[in-house]
Amino acid sequence: MQLRFDSGDTITVTTDTGSVSYAATSNALYRDPSAWYHIVVSVDTTQATAANRLTVYVNGTAITWSSFAVCPQNTNTAWNKSGIVGYVGSYDNTPLRPFNGYMAEII
């Protein structure tokens, strides 16, 4: 899974199954790079309703989506999958794409 602030000042969350990627992009714009954001991402592919399979909260408020594509019900994502390496703070451990910010209390 990848959460990123895009060049259009939106948040995009990409969920990867190992062979297929699904992405959702926020309606809201996040234009203050010096602001502190509390972000919670919840993924539950067992939910029958597609809209309930991915929820992202920014500062306690669920965000709405301008585009929304999520995994089919009961999909096993690549996160915590055997043989898949997960990275926090970089994209596929690529030195050219590190996270440029401060992260605290990653759970």
N, C-alpha and C. Protein backbone atom coordinates (compact mmCIF):
# COMPACT_ATOMS: atom_id res chain seq x y z
N MET A 1 0.84 -1.17 0.00
CA MET A 1 0.00 0.00 0.00
C MET A 1 0.88 1.23 0.00
N GLN A 2 0.42 2.23 -0.69
CA GLN A 2 1.17 3.48 -0.77
C GLN A 2 0.22 4.64 -0.53
N LEU A 3 0.62 5.55 0.35
CA LEU A 3 -0.10 6.78 0.56
C LEU A 3 0.85 7.90 0.18
N ARG A 4 0.39 8.81 -0.66
CA ARG A 4 1.28 9.89 -1.10
C ARG A 4 0.50 11.18 -1.32
N PHE A 5 1.21 12.28 -1.15
CA PHE A 5 0.69 13.58 -1.53
C PHE A 5 1.13 13.80 -2.97
N ASP A 6 0.18 13.98 -3.87
CA ASP A 6 0.48 14.14 -5.29
C ASP A 6 0.83 15.58 -5.63
N SER A 7 1.35 15.77 -6.81
CA SER A 7 1.71 17.12 -7.28
C SER A 7 0.48 18.01 -7.40
N GLY A 8 -0.71 17.44 -7.50
CA GLY A 8 -1.94 18.22 -7.57
C GLY A 8 -2.49 18.56 -6.19
N ASP A 9 -1.67 18.35 -5.14
CA ASP A 9 -2.02 18.66 -3.75
C ASP A 9 -3.12 17.76 -3.19
N THR A 10 -3.31 16.59 -3.77
CA THR A 10 -4.29 15.62 -3.27
C THR A 10 -3.55 14.47 -2.60
N ILE A 11 -4.32 13.64 -1.91
CA ILE A 11 -3.78 12.40 -1.34
C ILE A 11 -4.24 11.26 -2.23
N THR A 12 -3.33 10.39 -2.60
CA THR A 12 -3.67 9.18 -3.33
C THR A 12 -3.22 7.97 -2.52
N VAL A 13 -4.11 7.00 -2.41
CA VAL A 13 -3.80 5.75 -1.74
C VAL A 13 -3.87 4.65 -2.79
N THR A 14 -2.80 3.90 -2.91
CA THR A 14 -2.74 2.80 -3.86
C THR A 14 -2.64 1.49 -3.08
N THR A 15 -3.52 0.56 -3.38
CA THR A 15 -3.49 -0.77 -2.78
C THR A 15 -3.05 -1.75 -3.85
N ASP A 16 -2.07 -2.56 -3.52
CA ASP A 16 -1.47 -3.47 -4.49
C ASP A 16 -1.71 -4.91 -4.06
N THR A 17 -2.13 -5.74 -5.00
CA THR A 17 -2.33 -7.16 -4.70
C THR A 17 -1.11 -8.00 -5.07
N GLY A 18 -0.11 -7.36 -5.65
CA GLY A 18 1.06 -8.07 -6.14
C GLY A 18 1.04 -8.16 -7.65
N SER A 19 -0.16 -8.11 -8.23
CA SER A 19 -0.27 -8.14 -9.69
C SER A 19 -1.15 -7.02 -10.24
N VAL A 20 -2.06 -6.50 -9.41
CA VAL A 20 -2.97 -5.44 -9.83
C VAL A 20 -2.95 -4.33 -8.77
N SER A 21 -2.98 -3.07 -9.22
CA SER A 21 -3.04 -1.94 -8.30
C SER A 21 -4.38 -1.25 -8.41
N TYR A 22 -4.89 -0.78 -7.27
CA TYR A 22 -6.13 -0.03 -7.20
C TYR A 22 -5.82 1.30 -6.52
N ALA A 23 -6.39 2.41 -7.01
CA ALA A 23 -6.05 3.72 -6.44
C ALA A 23 -7.29 4.55 -6.17
N ALA A 24 -7.17 5.37 -5.12
CA ALA A 24 -8.20 6.34 -4.77
C ALA A 24 -7.52 7.68 -4.53
N THR A 25 -8.12 8.75 -5.05
CA THR A 25 -7.55 10.09 -4.92
C THR A 25 -8.57 11.00 -4.24
N SER A 26 -8.10 11.79 -3.29
CA SER A 26 -8.97 12.65 -2.49
C SER A 26 -9.55 13.81 -3.28
N ASN A 27 -10.72 14.27 -2.84
CA ASN A 27 -11.30 15.52 -3.35
C ASN A 27 -10.57 16.71 -2.75
N ALA A 28 -10.25 16.61 -1.47
CA ALA A 28 -9.64 17.73 -0.74
C ALA A 28 -8.22 17.99 -1.24
N LEU A 29 -7.81 19.24 -1.13
CA LEU A 29 -6.45 19.64 -1.48
C LEU A 29 -5.69 19.92 -0.20
N TYR A 30 -4.44 19.51 -0.17
CA TYR A 30 -3.56 19.69 0.99
C TYR A 30 -2.38 20.52 0.53
N ARG A 31 -2.46 21.83 0.76
CA ARG A 31 -1.49 22.76 0.18
C ARG A 31 -0.49 23.32 1.16
N ASP A 32 -0.57 22.95 2.42
CA ASP A 32 0.36 23.49 3.41
C ASP A 32 1.40 22.43 3.78
N PRO A 33 2.57 22.46 3.15
CA PRO A 33 3.58 21.43 3.42
C PRO A 33 4.16 21.52 4.83
N SER A 34 3.93 22.65 5.53
CA SER A 34 4.47 22.76 6.89
C SER A 34 3.44 22.35 7.93
N ALA A 35 2.21 22.00 7.50
CA ALA A 35 1.16 21.61 8.44
C ALA A 35 1.40 20.22 8.99
N TRP A 36 0.90 20.01 10.18
CA TRP A 36 0.94 18.70 10.81
C TRP A 36 -0.37 18.00 10.47
N TYR A 37 -0.30 16.79 9.94
CA TYR A 37 -1.49 16.01 9.60
C TYR A 37 -1.48 14.71 10.38
N HIS A 38 -2.61 14.36 10.95
CA HIS A 38 -2.79 13.04 11.57
C HIS A 38 -3.57 12.22 10.56
N ILE A 39 -2.93 11.20 10.00
CA ILE A 39 -3.54 10.41 8.92
C ILE A 39 -3.70 8.96 9.38
N VAL A 40 -4.90 8.44 9.24
CA VAL A 40 -5.20 7.05 9.56
C VAL A 40 -5.76 6.41 8.30
N VAL A 41 -5.21 5.26 7.93
CA VAL A 41 -5.68 4.51 6.77
C VAL A 41 -6.24 3.19 7.26
N SER A 42 -7.46 2.89 6.85
CA SER A 42 -8.10 1.63 7.22
C SER A 42 -8.47 0.87 5.95
N VAL A 43 -7.95 -0.35 5.83
CA VAL A 43 -8.26 -1.21 4.68
C VAL A 43 -8.85 -2.51 5.23
N ASP A 44 -10.04 -2.83 4.79
CA ASP A 44 -10.71 -4.07 5.19
C ASP A 44 -11.41 -4.65 3.98
N THR A 45 -10.72 -5.53 3.27
CA THR A 45 -11.27 -6.06 2.01
C THR A 45 -12.40 -7.06 2.23
N THR A 46 -12.72 -7.39 3.49
CA THR A 46 -13.83 -8.31 3.75
C THR A 46 -15.18 -7.59 3.72
N GLN A 47 -15.18 -6.26 3.68
CA GLN A 47 -16.44 -5.50 3.66
C GLN A 47 -17.21 -5.76 2.36
N ALA A 48 -18.51 -5.98 2.49
CA ALA A 48 -19.34 -6.24 1.31
C ALA A 48 -19.51 -4.99 0.44
N THR A 49 -19.54 -3.83 1.06
CA THR A 49 -19.70 -2.57 0.33
C THR A 49 -18.32 -2.03 -0.03
N ALA A 50 -18.09 -1.81 -1.32
CA ALA A 50 -16.77 -1.36 -1.79
C ALA A 50 -16.31 -0.08 -1.10
N ALA A 51 -17.22 0.85 -0.86
CA ALA A 51 -16.87 2.13 -0.24
C ALA A 51 -16.34 1.96 1.18
N ASN A 52 -16.64 0.83 1.81
CA ASN A 52 -16.19 0.59 3.18
C ASN A 52 -14.84 -0.14 3.24
N ARG A 53 -14.30 -0.53 2.12
CA ARG A 53 -13.04 -1.28 2.11
C ARG A 53 -11.82 -0.40 2.30
N LEU A 54 -11.93 0.88 2.00
CA LEU A 54 -10.83 1.83 2.19
C LEU A 54 -11.39 3.10 2.80
N THR A 55 -10.89 3.46 3.97
CA THR A 55 -11.26 4.71 4.60
C THR A 55 -9.98 5.40 5.04
N VAL A 56 -9.87 6.68 4.75
CA VAL A 56 -8.72 7.47 5.17
C VAL A 56 -9.25 8.66 5.95
N TYR A 57 -8.68 8.86 7.13
CA TYR A 57 -9.04 9.99 7.97
C TYR A 57 -7.86 10.95 8.02
N VAL A 58 -8.14 12.24 7.82
CA VAL A 58 -7.13 13.28 7.99
C VAL A 58 -7.62 14.18 9.11
N ASN A 59 -6.82 14.24 10.16
CA ASN A 59 -7.18 15.02 11.35
C ASN A 59 -8.56 14.67 11.87
N GLY A 60 -8.89 13.36 11.85
CA GLY A 60 -10.13 12.87 12.42
C GLY A 60 -11.35 12.89 11.52
N THR A 61 -11.21 13.39 10.30
CA THR A 61 -12.33 13.47 9.37
C THR A 61 -12.09 12.55 8.18
N ALA A 62 -13.09 11.71 7.88
CA ALA A 62 -12.97 10.82 6.72
C ALA A 62 -12.96 11.67 5.46
N ILE A 63 -12.01 11.38 4.58
CA ILE A 63 -11.94 12.16 3.34
C ILE A 63 -12.86 11.55 2.29
N THR A 64 -13.24 12.37 1.32
CA THR A 64 -14.04 11.91 0.20
C THR A 64 -13.13 11.80 -1.02
N TRP A 65 -13.59 11.10 -2.03
CA TRP A 65 -12.73 10.73 -3.15
C TRP A 65 -13.20 11.34 -4.46
N SER A 66 -12.27 11.82 -5.26
CA SER A 66 -12.59 12.27 -6.62
C SER A 66 -12.54 11.09 -7.57
N SER A 67 -11.69 10.13 -7.29
CA SER A 67 -11.66 8.86 -8.03
C SER A 67 -11.45 7.77 -6.99
N PHE A 68 -12.11 6.64 -7.20
CA PHE A 68 -12.10 5.60 -6.17
C PHE A 68 -12.16 4.23 -6.83
N ALA A 69 -11.08 3.50 -6.75
CA ALA A 69 -11.05 2.11 -7.22
C ALA A 69 -10.40 1.28 -6.13
N VAL A 70 -11.12 0.33 -5.60
CA VAL A 70 -10.59 -0.51 -4.53
C VAL A 70 -10.65 -1.97 -4.93
N CYS A 71 -9.93 -2.78 -4.17
CA CYS A 71 -9.85 -4.22 -4.42
C CYS A 71 -11.22 -4.87 -4.35
N PRO A 72 -11.39 -5.94 -5.08
CA PRO A 72 -12.61 -6.73 -4.93
C PRO A 72 -12.70 -7.31 -3.51
N GLN A 73 -13.89 -7.68 -3.11
CA GLN A 73 -14.10 -8.23 -1.77
C GLN A 73 -13.20 -9.44 -1.53
N ASN A 74 -12.66 -9.50 -0.32
CA ASN A 74 -11.81 -10.59 0.17
C ASN A 74 -10.47 -10.73 -0.55
N THR A 75 -10.01 -9.67 -1.17
CA THR A 75 -8.71 -9.67 -1.83
C THR A 75 -7.60 -9.67 -0.79
N ASN A 76 -6.58 -10.48 -1.02
CA ASN A 76 -5.37 -10.43 -0.19
C ASN A 76 -4.43 -9.41 -0.80
N THR A 77 -4.14 -8.35 -0.05
CA THR A 77 -3.24 -7.32 -0.55
C THR A 77 -1.80 -7.78 -0.37
N ALA A 78 -0.88 -7.03 -0.96
CA ALA A 78 0.54 -7.38 -0.86
C ALA A 78 1.13 -7.02 0.50
N TRP A 79 0.42 -6.20 1.29
CA TRP A 79 0.92 -5.82 2.60
C TRP A 79 0.93 -7.03 3.52
N ASN A 80 2.05 -7.27 4.18
CA ASN A 80 2.25 -8.41 5.07
C ASN A 80 2.16 -9.76 4.37
N LYS A 81 2.39 -9.77 3.08
CA LYS A 81 2.36 -11.00 2.30
C LYS A 81 3.75 -11.62 2.29
N SER A 82 3.84 -12.90 2.44
CA SER A 82 5.13 -13.60 2.44
C SER A 82 5.87 -13.33 1.13
N GLY A 83 7.13 -12.98 1.25
CA GLY A 83 7.96 -12.74 0.08
C GLY A 83 7.90 -11.32 -0.46
N ILE A 84 7.03 -10.48 0.10
CA ILE A 84 6.92 -9.09 -0.32
C ILE A 84 7.54 -8.21 0.76
N VAL A 85 8.48 -7.37 0.39
CA VAL A 85 9.13 -6.48 1.34
C VAL A 85 8.32 -5.19 1.44
N GLY A 86 8.01 -4.77 2.67
CA GLY A 86 7.28 -3.52 2.88
C GLY A 86 8.23 -2.43 3.33
N TYR A 87 8.00 -1.22 2.87
CA TYR A 87 8.85 -0.08 3.23
C TYR A 87 7.99 1.02 3.83
N VAL A 88 8.51 1.67 4.84
CA VAL A 88 7.86 2.83 5.42
C VAL A 88 8.79 4.01 5.19
N GLY A 89 8.31 5.02 4.50
CA GLY A 89 9.12 6.21 4.27
C GLY A 89 9.84 6.24 2.94
N SER A 90 9.59 5.26 2.09
CA SER A 90 10.17 5.29 0.74
C SER A 90 9.31 4.44 -0.18
N TYR A 91 9.51 4.61 -1.46
CA TYR A 91 8.78 3.84 -2.45
C TYR A 91 9.69 2.74 -2.96
N ASP A 92 9.40 1.51 -2.62
CA ASP A 92 10.20 0.35 -3.02
C ASP A 92 11.68 0.53 -2.70
N ASN A 93 11.97 1.25 -1.60
CA ASN A 93 13.35 1.49 -1.15
C ASN A 93 14.18 2.18 -2.23
N THR A 94 13.52 2.98 -3.07
CA THR A 94 14.21 3.70 -4.13
C THR A 94 14.83 4.97 -3.56
N PRO A 95 16.15 5.13 -3.64
CA PRO A 95 16.78 6.32 -3.07
C PRO A 95 16.31 7.62 -3.69
N LEU A 96 15.81 7.59 -4.91
CA LEU A 96 15.36 8.80 -5.57
C LEU A 96 13.95 9.22 -5.16
N ARG A 97 13.26 8.38 -4.38
CA ARG A 97 11.88 8.68 -3.99
C ARG A 97 11.67 8.53 -2.49
N PRO A 98 12.51 9.17 -1.66
CA PRO A 98 12.31 9.04 -0.22
C PRO A 98 11.20 9.97 0.28
N PHE A 99 10.68 9.68 1.46
CA PHE A 99 9.72 10.56 2.10
C PHE A 99 10.48 11.78 2.61
N ASN A 100 9.98 12.96 2.31
CA ASN A 100 10.65 14.19 2.72
C ASN A 100 9.78 14.88 3.75
N GLY A 101 9.82 14.40 4.98
CA GLY A 101 9.00 14.96 6.03
C GLY A 101 9.30 14.30 7.35
N TYR A 102 8.47 14.54 8.33
CA TYR A 102 8.66 14.01 9.66
C TYR A 102 7.53 13.03 9.96
N MET A 103 7.86 11.82 10.37
CA MET A 103 6.87 10.83 10.76
C MET A 103 7.05 10.54 12.24
N ALA A 104 5.93 10.49 12.95
CA ALA A 104 5.97 10.18 14.38
C ALA A 104 4.92 9.14 14.69
N GLU A 105 5.24 8.24 15.57
CA GLU A 105 4.34 7.20 16.04
C GLU A 105 3.69 6.44 14.89
N ILE A 106 4.51 5.76 14.12
CA ILE A 106 4.03 4.93 13.02
C ILE A 106 3.56 3.61 13.62
N ILE A 107 2.30 3.29 13.41
CA ILE A 107 1.75 2.06 13.99
C ILE A 107 1.14 1.23 12.87
